[in-house]
C-alpha cells in the first residue's frame, strides 16, 4: 500500500477519507489495494479508514484483532454490534465526505462491493458516501513499467501463435481432415504453454453461426469442423506466466479457402471503422491533453455502427480494462451495459472490440491500447481486411 499516494489522491479529489470494509472477502479490491492476503479467515467485519491527512484508523473484532496489523494506523476493537457502531462513529467523527467501494444506482457494478446496509448505517451517522471508482482505477489499473513490458512480451508471442494457428486451420482444411473448433482451441492452449504464456480458459474458436455468440467456447462433444468455405472468428488472450503480468487480448476473423463475400466485407468494414473511431477518439483526447471517459470511447464506435443500421447487433460494450486481470478494475469502454464515467487514465491498458453479430456469422475486431502521459497507441497487429485462410 502506498499511503502517501493514496492520501495525495484523496486531497486532489477533495475527499475526507477512504473507508475500506470487508467480511468473508466480499471486497477483493480492498485486499489488493491495501496489500492484504486474498485468502484466510475473515469471519468478522473489519474497517480501515485512510484520511486525506493524518494517521489511518482501524476497527477490528477482538477475536480477529490482528487482522490489519500489517497496516499502519491506530486500532480500535469491538465485540458487540452496539460497540461496532459506536466505534465506527468515533473513528469517522472528523470526516464527512467518504469514498467507499460503492456506485450510485449500481451504475458501475465492478466497484459495488459495499452492502446497502452499511451505506445506510454511515448515512445515518451523517456521512456522505461517494464512489471510490476513480480511486480504484488509479491504484489498481495503472500499470508499472514492468507490467507494460510484460504486455508487449505477450503481444509478440501471441501474434505469432495466432498466425501459426490460421496456417494450421488452412492446412487441415485443404488436407481433407479439417480440425474442429475444439481441436484448435486445444492447439492454441498448447502453443501458448510452450511460449511461456498462461490463460484462464478458451480461446474462442468459432465457425459460421457460432461466431455470432460473442462468448462462445467449443466443447469436445458439440464442436464443428472448420472446412473450406467457412467463416472463422478467433478471440484469444494470454499473459506471461509470471505473477502480476499484463494480459494481451485480440480477435481476428477470416474465411477458409475462398474470397469473402461482398456482405462479409461490408460488415467487416463497418466493424473496422467503428474500432478505428474509438481508437482515434482516445488518441485525439490524449494528444489534446483532454480527459476522456470510457463511455465516450464507446459512443465513438457504437454511433458508427448504429448509423450503419446495425446497432441492434452490437450487443456488448466496446472494450474493457486490462491489467493483471483480463477484465481489470479501470475504465471500460462502455455506454451500453453501464454508463462508465471513469476516466481512461494514463499508463492503463484496454481493449477496443466492437462487433456485429448476425444470425449467420459474427464479426469482432479487437485490438489493445496502452496510454502514456501524453499519447495513446495500439500495441499489436491491426486487422484491416478479412483474412483469407
Foldseek 3Di string as FASTA:
>chain_A
DPLLVLLVVCVVVVFFKEKEKDAPQLDVLVCVLQVADSDDHRHDMKMWIRGNDDFIEIEEEPVPQCRCVVDTGYYDYDHDPVVVLVVVCVRCVVGAEYEYLPDVVCQPVLSHRDDPVVVVSVVVSRHHYDYCLQVSCVRWFFDDPVQVVQALLQQVQVVVLVVVLVVQQQVCQVVVNFDWQQRSQVVSCVSQVVSQKDDDDTWGKDKWLQQLPVRDHDDPPPIGGQHAFIKIKTWDKITHPDAFHWMWIWMAIAGENDDDDPVVFVQQQLQQVLLVQLVVVQFVCLQVVHWDALQVSQCRSLVSCVVVPQNVQFQFTQKAWITSDRRISAGTNDDDSHNTRHTPDANTKMKGWTKGRDSGHIDIGIFMWHHHNRGIDTSHDGDDTHDYD
